[in-house]
């Protein structure tokens, strides 16, 4: 499943104009961890969780050492913005 998620994220990163910044393997690692951390959350379909995690990763500084899940707790405005962008209700 992780290989599939990685492949999907890579394809999305390479084909979507919304993601002009190229994702690195480190980005994919953090996004996949975020997806795993949010699996099963109420209202979080796989597509919504993926969009949310990509949004959160893009908001984080490239030198951030905390996981997306740790970072989101300290940045509620970013979390709310990404929830809205992802369509999380």
C-alpha atoms as a PDB file:
ATOM      1  CA  UNK A   1       0.000   0.000   0.000  1.00  0.00           C
ATOM      2  CA  UNK A   2       2.834   2.420   0.802  1.00  0.00           C
ATOM      3  CA  UNK A   3       4.389   1.839  -2.615  1.00  0.00           C
ATOM      4  CA  UNK A   4       1.030   2.647  -4.218  1.00  0.00           C
ATOM      5  CA  UNK A   5       0.643   5.819  -2.135  1.00  0.00           C
ATOM      6  CA  UNK A   6       4.172   6.864  -3.013  1.00  0.00           C
ATOM      7  CA  UNK A   7       3.512   6.253  -6.709  1.00  0.00           C
ATOM      8  CA  UNK A   8       0.277   8.240  -6.565  1.00  0.00           C
ATOM      9  CA  UNK A   9       1.962  11.142  -4.779  1.00  0.00           C
ATOM     10  CA  UNK A  10       4.841  11.125  -7.225  1.00  0.00           C
ATOM     11  CA  UNK A  11       2.453  11.163 -10.188  1.00  0.00           C
ATOM     12  CA  UNK A  12       0.451  13.959  -8.592  1.00  0.00           C
ATOM     13  CA  UNK A  13       3.573  15.989  -7.930  1.00  0.00           C
ATOM     14  CA  UNK A  14       4.760  15.610 -11.494  1.00  0.00           C
ATOM     15  CA  UNK A  15       1.461  16.310 -13.242  1.00  0.00           C
ATOM     16  CA  UNK A  16      -0.421  18.850 -11.162  1.00  0.00           C
ATOM     17  CA  UNK A  17       0.171  22.561 -11.720  1.00  0.00           C
ATOM     18  CA  UNK A  18      -1.022  23.127  -8.144  1.00  0.00           C
ATOM     19  CA  UNK A  19       2.199  21.544  -6.953  1.00  0.00           C
ATOM     20  CA  UNK A  20       4.755  23.662  -8.765  1.00  0.00           C
ATOM     21  CA  UNK A  21       7.384  22.868  -6.163  1.00  0.00           C
ATOM     22  CA  UNK A  22       8.965  19.506  -6.873  1.00  0.00           C
ATOM     23  CA  UNK A  23       8.572  16.989  -4.064  1.00  0.00           C
ATOM     24  CA  UNK A  24      11.655  15.319  -2.696  1.00  0.00           C
ATOM     25  CA  UNK A  25      11.935  11.849  -1.237  1.00  0.00           C
ATOM     26  CA  UNK A  26      11.967  13.523   2.187  1.00  0.00           C
ATOM     27  CA  UNK A  27       8.662  15.258   1.375  1.00  0.00           C
ATOM     28  CA  UNK A  28       7.159  11.920   0.349  1.00  0.00           C
ATOM     29  CA  UNK A  29       8.378  10.330   3.582  1.00  0.00           C
ATOM     30  CA  UNK A  30       6.660  12.993   5.695  1.00  0.00           C
ATOM     31  CA  UNK A  31       3.490  12.948   3.592  1.00  0.00           C
ATOM     32  CA  UNK A  32       3.244   9.164   3.816  1.00  0.00           C
ATOM     33  CA  UNK A  33       3.718   9.356   7.598  1.00  0.00           C
ATOM     34  CA  UNK A  34       0.978  12.003   7.793  1.00  0.00           C
ATOM     35  CA  UNK A  35      -1.341   9.800   5.729  1.00  0.00           C
ATOM     36  CA  UNK A  36      -0.651   6.889   8.067  1.00  0.00           C
ATOM     37  CA  UNK A  37      -1.212   9.085  11.152  1.00  0.00           C
ATOM     38  CA  UNK A  38      -4.565  10.327   9.820  1.00  0.00           C
ATOM     39  CA  UNK A  39      -5.870   7.022   8.499  1.00  0.00           C
ATOM     40  CA  UNK A  40      -9.338   6.373   9.859  1.00  0.00           C
ATOM     41  CA  UNK A  41      -9.994   9.946  10.987  1.00  0.00           C
ATOM     42  CA  UNK A  42     -13.648  10.893  10.733  1.00  0.00           C
ATOM     43  CA  UNK A  43     -14.472  12.451   7.365  1.00  0.00           C
ATOM     44  CA  UNK A  44     -11.022  11.686   6.009  1.00  0.00           C
ATOM     45  CA  UNK A  45     -11.341   9.735   2.797  1.00  0.00           C
ATOM     46  CA  UNK A  46      -8.004   8.624   1.323  1.00  0.00           C
ATOM     47  CA  UNK A  47      -8.126  11.461  -1.243  1.00  0.00           C
ATOM     48  CA  UNK A  48      -8.929  14.088   1.394  1.00  0.00           C
ATOM     49  CA  UNK A  49      -6.219  12.861   3.764  1.00  0.00           C
ATOM     50  CA  UNK A  50      -3.677  12.836   0.918  1.00  0.00           C
ATOM     51  CA  UNK A  51      -4.600  16.397  -0.142  1.00  0.00           C
ATOM     52  CA  UNK A  52      -4.467  17.550   3.485  1.00  0.00           C
ATOM     53  CA  UNK A  53      -1.037  16.001   4.074  1.00  0.00           C
ATOM     54  CA  UNK A  54       0.391  17.461   0.871  1.00  0.00           C
ATOM     55  CA  UNK A  55      -0.947  20.894   1.842  1.00  0.00           C
ATOM     56  CA  UNK A  56       0.544  20.647   5.332  1.00  0.00           C
ATOM     57  CA  UNK A  57       3.895  19.513   3.970  1.00  0.00           C
ATOM     58  CA  UNK A  58       3.964  22.457   1.579  1.00  0.00           C
ATOM     59  CA  UNK A  59       3.312  24.896   4.438  1.00  0.00           C
ATOM     60  CA  UNK A  60       6.191  23.527   6.488  1.00  0.00           C
ATOM     61  CA  UNK A  61       9.703  24.909   6.193  1.00  0.00           C
ATOM     62  CA  UNK A  62      12.146  22.654   4.343  1.00  0.00           C
ATOM     63  CA  UNK A  63      14.342  22.544   7.449  1.00  0.00           C
ATOM     64  CA  UNK A  64      11.535  21.440   9.771  1.00  0.00           C
ATOM     65  CA  UNK A  65      12.453  18.385  11.834  1.00  0.00           C
ATOM     66  CA  UNK A  66       9.037  17.660  13.350  1.00  0.00           C
ATOM     67  CA  UNK A  67       6.587  15.347  11.609  1.00  0.00           C
ATOM     68  CA  UNK A  68       3.520  16.866   9.938  1.00  0.00           C
ATOM     69  CA  UNK A  69       1.436  15.512  12.816  1.00  0.00           C
ATOM     70  CA  UNK A  70       3.647  17.201  15.412  1.00  0.00           C
ATOM     71  CA  UNK A  71       3.865  20.430  13.419  1.00  0.00           C
ATOM     72  CA  UNK A  72       0.104  20.697  12.845  1.00  0.00           C
ATOM     73  CA  UNK A  73      -0.537  20.770  16.603  1.00  0.00           C
ATOM     74  CA  UNK A  74       1.648  23.863  16.933  1.00  0.00           C
ATOM     75  CA  UNK A  75       0.139  25.534  13.843  1.00  0.00           C
ATOM     76  CA  UNK A  76      -3.663  25.367  14.096  1.00  0.00           C
ATOM     77  CA  UNK A  77      -4.235  28.055  11.466  1.00  0.00           C
ATOM     78  CA  UNK A  78      -2.265  26.063   8.876  1.00  0.00           C
ATOM     79  CA  UNK A  79      -4.158  22.910   9.898  1.00  0.00           C
ATOM     80  CA  UNK A  80      -7.514  24.634   9.461  1.00  0.00           C
ATOM     81  CA  UNK A  81      -6.482  26.103   6.108  1.00  0.00           C
ATOM     82  CA  UNK A  82      -5.363  22.693   4.818  1.00  0.00           C
ATOM     83  CA  UNK A  83      -8.516  21.012   6.121  1.00  0.00           C
ATOM     84  CA  UNK A  84     -10.534  23.557   4.168  1.00  0.00           C
ATOM     85  CA  UNK A  85      -8.435  23.172   0.997  1.00  0.00           C
ATOM     86  CA  UNK A  86      -8.653  19.390   1.192  1.00  0.00           C
ATOM     87  CA  UNK A  87     -12.417  19.421   1.709  1.00  0.00           C
ATOM     88  CA  UNK A  88     -12.246  17.864   5.166  1.00  0.00           C
ATOM     89  CA  UNK A  89     -15.510  18.379   7.028  1.00  0.00           C
END
